[in-house]
Amino acid sequence: MMFANIRRIIEAAGGTTENILQVTVWLRDISNRAHVNKEWVAMFPNPESRPVRQTEVYGDLPEGRHVGCQFLAVLQ
């Protein structure tokens, strides 16, 4: 769902995933990293053009949330 939301936001702004430069992902539990990695590769299949990514364990996500993110994109 998170990656689908990223795609919706960037497309609503008139861009594509190619415009994304950096993504920060916060996980409540590191065991969710494998799922994030699978979706990451699906959204950004070319390792030569993937944005920079930082993944951190962050236990203070809002109640009921297991993952959060922030991304930076440049649209021209």
N, C-alpha and C. Protein backbone atom coordinates (compact mmCIF):
# COMPACT_ATOMS: atom_id res chain seq x y z
N MET A 1 0.82 -1.19 0.00
CA MET A 1 0.00 0.00 0.00
C MET A 1 0.87 1.27 0.00
N MET A 2 1.96 1.24 0.77
CA MET A 2 2.82 2.42 0.84
C MET A 2 3.37 2.77 -0.55
N PHE A 3 3.83 1.79 -1.28
CA PHE A 3 4.41 2.07 -2.59
C PHE A 3 3.34 2.50 -3.59
N ALA A 4 2.14 1.97 -3.47
CA ALA A 4 1.03 2.42 -4.32
C ALA A 4 0.71 3.88 -4.02
N ASN A 5 0.77 4.26 -2.75
CA ASN A 5 0.52 5.65 -2.39
C ASN A 5 1.62 6.57 -2.90
N ILE A 6 2.86 6.12 -2.84
CA ILE A 6 3.95 6.92 -3.40
C ILE A 6 3.71 7.18 -4.88
N ARG A 7 3.34 6.12 -5.60
CA ARG A 7 3.08 6.26 -7.04
C ARG A 7 1.92 7.23 -7.30
N ARG A 8 0.84 7.11 -6.52
CA ARG A 8 -0.31 8.01 -6.70
C ARG A 8 0.09 9.47 -6.45
N ILE A 9 0.86 9.70 -5.42
CA ILE A 9 1.25 11.08 -5.08
C ILE A 9 2.14 11.67 -6.17
N ILE A 10 3.16 10.94 -6.60
CA ILE A 10 4.07 11.48 -7.60
C ILE A 10 3.36 11.70 -8.93
N GLU A 11 2.45 10.79 -9.30
CA GLU A 11 1.71 10.96 -10.55
C GLU A 11 0.72 12.11 -10.46
N ALA A 12 0.10 12.32 -9.30
CA ALA A 12 -0.82 13.44 -9.12
C ALA A 12 -0.08 14.77 -9.24
N ALA A 13 1.20 14.77 -8.91
CA ALA A 13 2.03 15.97 -9.02
C ALA A 13 2.57 16.16 -10.43
N GLY A 14 2.30 15.21 -11.33
CA GLY A 14 2.76 15.32 -12.71
C GLY A 14 4.08 14.64 -12.98
N GLY A 15 4.54 13.81 -12.05
CA GLY A 15 5.81 13.13 -12.23
C GLY A 15 5.66 11.63 -12.35
N THR A 16 6.80 10.97 -12.31
CA THR A 16 6.84 9.51 -12.32
C THR A 16 7.83 9.07 -11.23
N THR A 17 7.93 7.79 -11.04
CA THR A 17 8.88 7.29 -10.05
C THR A 17 10.33 7.63 -10.44
N GLU A 18 10.58 7.94 -11.69
CA GLU A 18 11.91 8.35 -12.13
C GLU A 18 12.31 9.71 -11.52
N ASN A 19 11.33 10.49 -11.08
CA ASN A 19 11.61 11.79 -10.47
C ASN A 19 12.00 11.69 -8.99
N ILE A 20 11.85 10.51 -8.41
CA ILE A 20 12.12 10.33 -6.98
C ILE A 20 13.62 10.18 -6.77
N LEU A 21 14.16 11.01 -5.89
CA LEU A 21 15.60 11.01 -5.62
C LEU A 21 15.96 10.24 -4.35
N GLN A 22 15.08 10.30 -3.35
CA GLN A 22 15.41 9.73 -2.04
C GLN A 22 14.13 9.28 -1.35
N VAL A 23 14.22 8.14 -0.65
CA VAL A 23 13.10 7.62 0.12
C VAL A 23 13.63 7.21 1.50
N THR A 24 12.94 7.64 2.54
CA THR A 24 13.23 7.20 3.90
C THR A 24 12.06 6.33 4.34
N VAL A 25 12.36 5.16 4.85
CA VAL A 25 11.33 4.22 5.31
C VAL A 25 11.55 3.97 6.80
N TRP A 26 10.47 4.10 7.57
CA TRP A 26 10.51 3.78 9.00
C TRP A 26 9.70 2.52 9.24
N LEU A 27 10.30 1.57 9.94
CA LEU A 27 9.64 0.30 10.26
C LEU A 27 9.48 0.18 11.77
N ARG A 28 8.31 -0.25 12.18
CA ARG A 28 8.12 -0.53 13.60
C ARG A 28 8.94 -1.74 14.00
N ASP A 29 9.02 -2.72 13.09
CA ASP A 29 9.72 -3.98 13.36
C ASP A 29 10.58 -4.32 12.14
N ILE A 30 11.85 -4.59 12.37
CA ILE A 30 12.79 -4.88 11.28
C ILE A 30 12.37 -6.10 10.46
N SER A 31 11.53 -6.96 11.02
CA SER A 31 11.09 -8.14 10.26
C SER A 31 10.27 -7.76 9.03
N ASN A 32 9.79 -6.54 8.95
CA ASN A 32 9.04 -6.08 7.77
C ASN A 32 9.95 -5.66 6.63
N ARG A 33 11.24 -5.65 6.86
CA ARG A 33 12.19 -5.19 5.83
C ARG A 33 12.13 -6.04 4.57
N ALA A 34 11.98 -7.34 4.70
CA ALA A 34 11.93 -8.21 3.51
C ALA A 34 10.76 -7.84 2.61
N HIS A 35 9.62 -7.54 3.21
CA HIS A 35 8.45 -7.14 2.41
C HIS A 35 8.72 -5.80 1.71
N VAL A 36 9.30 -4.87 2.44
CA VAL A 36 9.64 -3.57 1.84
C VAL A 36 10.63 -3.76 0.69
N ASN A 37 11.63 -4.60 0.87
CA ASN A 37 12.62 -4.84 -0.18
C ASN A 37 11.97 -5.40 -1.45
N LYS A 38 11.02 -6.32 -1.28
CA LYS A 38 10.33 -6.91 -2.44
C LYS A 38 9.57 -5.83 -3.21
N GLU A 39 8.84 -4.98 -2.51
CA GLU A 39 8.08 -3.91 -3.16
C GLU A 39 9.00 -2.85 -3.75
N TRP A 40 10.13 -2.61 -3.09
CA TRP A 40 11.12 -1.64 -3.57
C TRP A 40 11.64 -2.05 -4.95
N VAL A 41 12.02 -3.30 -5.08
CA VAL A 41 12.55 -3.79 -6.35
C VAL A 41 11.46 -3.78 -7.43
N ALA A 42 10.23 -4.06 -7.04
CA ALA A 42 9.13 -4.02 -8.02
C ALA A 42 8.91 -2.60 -8.53
N MET A 43 9.00 -1.60 -7.64
CA MET A 43 8.78 -0.21 -8.06
C MET A 43 9.99 0.37 -8.77
N PHE A 44 11.19 -0.02 -8.34
CA PHE A 44 12.43 0.51 -8.90
C PHE A 44 13.30 -0.66 -9.38
N PRO A 45 12.93 -1.29 -10.50
CA PRO A 45 13.63 -2.51 -10.92
C PRO A 45 15.07 -2.31 -11.38
N ASN A 46 15.41 -1.13 -11.85
CA ASN A 46 16.76 -0.90 -12.37
C ASN A 46 17.67 -0.40 -11.25
N PRO A 47 18.63 -1.22 -10.80
CA PRO A 47 19.51 -0.79 -9.72
C PRO A 47 20.36 0.44 -10.07
N GLU A 48 20.52 0.71 -11.34
CA GLU A 48 21.32 1.87 -11.77
C GLU A 48 20.57 3.19 -11.61
N SER A 49 19.24 3.14 -11.53
CA SER A 49 18.47 4.39 -11.45
C SER A 49 17.58 4.47 -10.20
N ARG A 50 17.76 3.55 -9.27
CA ARG A 50 16.96 3.61 -8.04
C ARG A 50 17.33 4.85 -7.22
N PRO A 51 16.33 5.40 -6.52
CA PRO A 51 16.66 6.49 -5.61
C PRO A 51 17.45 5.98 -4.41
N VAL A 52 18.06 6.89 -3.70
CA VAL A 52 18.74 6.55 -2.46
C VAL A 52 17.67 6.16 -1.45
N ARG A 53 17.96 5.15 -0.63
CA ARG A 53 16.99 4.73 0.39
C ARG A 53 17.68 4.57 1.73
N GLN A 54 16.98 5.04 2.75
CA GLN A 54 17.40 4.82 4.12
C GLN A 54 16.24 4.14 4.83
N THR A 55 16.53 3.05 5.54
CA THR A 55 15.51 2.33 6.29
C THR A 55 15.92 2.31 7.75
N GLU A 56 14.99 2.70 8.62
CA GLU A 56 15.27 2.77 10.05
C GLU A 56 14.17 2.08 10.83
N VAL A 57 14.53 1.49 11.95
CA VAL A 57 13.53 0.97 12.89
C VAL A 57 13.10 2.15 13.74
N TYR A 58 11.79 2.35 13.81
CA TYR A 58 11.22 3.47 14.55
C TYR A 58 9.96 2.98 15.25
N GLY A 59 10.07 2.69 16.52
CA GLY A 59 8.97 2.12 17.27
C GLY A 59 7.87 3.09 17.63
N ASP A 60 8.06 4.39 17.38
CA ASP A 60 7.06 5.38 17.76
C ASP A 60 6.13 5.77 16.61
N LEU A 61 5.92 4.88 15.66
CA LEU A 61 4.95 5.15 14.61
C LEU A 61 3.56 5.24 15.24
N PRO A 62 2.63 5.98 14.63
CA PRO A 62 1.28 6.07 15.19
C PRO A 62 0.65 4.70 15.40
N GLU A 63 -0.25 4.63 16.35
CA GLU A 63 -0.94 3.38 16.69
C GLU A 63 -1.48 2.68 15.44
N GLY A 64 -1.22 1.40 15.32
CA GLY A 64 -1.71 0.61 14.20
C GLY A 64 -0.86 0.69 12.94
N ARG A 65 0.15 1.54 12.93
CA ARG A 65 1.02 1.68 11.76
C ARG A 65 2.26 0.82 11.95
N HIS A 66 2.65 0.14 10.87
CA HIS A 66 3.85 -0.70 10.92
C HIS A 66 4.96 -0.16 10.03
N VAL A 67 4.61 0.78 9.17
CA VAL A 67 5.59 1.35 8.24
C VAL A 67 5.18 2.79 7.94
N GLY A 68 6.18 3.61 7.72
CA GLY A 68 5.96 4.99 7.31
C GLY A 68 7.05 5.38 6.33
N CYS A 69 6.82 6.45 5.60
CA CYS A 69 7.86 6.86 4.65
C CYS A 69 7.78 8.33 4.36
N GLN A 70 8.86 8.80 3.78
CA GLN A 70 8.96 10.16 3.28
C GLN A 70 9.78 10.06 2.00
N PHE A 71 9.43 10.83 0.99
CA PHE A 71 10.26 10.80 -0.22
C PHE A 71 10.47 12.20 -0.76
N LEU A 72 11.56 12.35 -1.48
CA LEU A 72 11.95 13.60 -2.10
C LEU A 72 12.02 13.37 -3.60
N ALA A 73 11.35 14.26 -4.34
CA ALA A 73 11.36 14.16 -5.80
C ALA A 73 11.58 15.55 -6.38
N VAL A 74 12.11 15.59 -7.57
CA VAL A 74 12.28 16.86 -8.28
C VAL A 74 11.48 16.78 -9.56
N LEU A 75 10.59 17.75 -9.73
CA LEU A 75 9.78 17.84 -10.95
C LEU A 75 10.18 19.13 -11.67
N GLN A 76 10.33 19.03 -12.97
CA GLN A 76 10.73 20.23 -13.73
C GLN A 76 9.64 20.68 -14.64
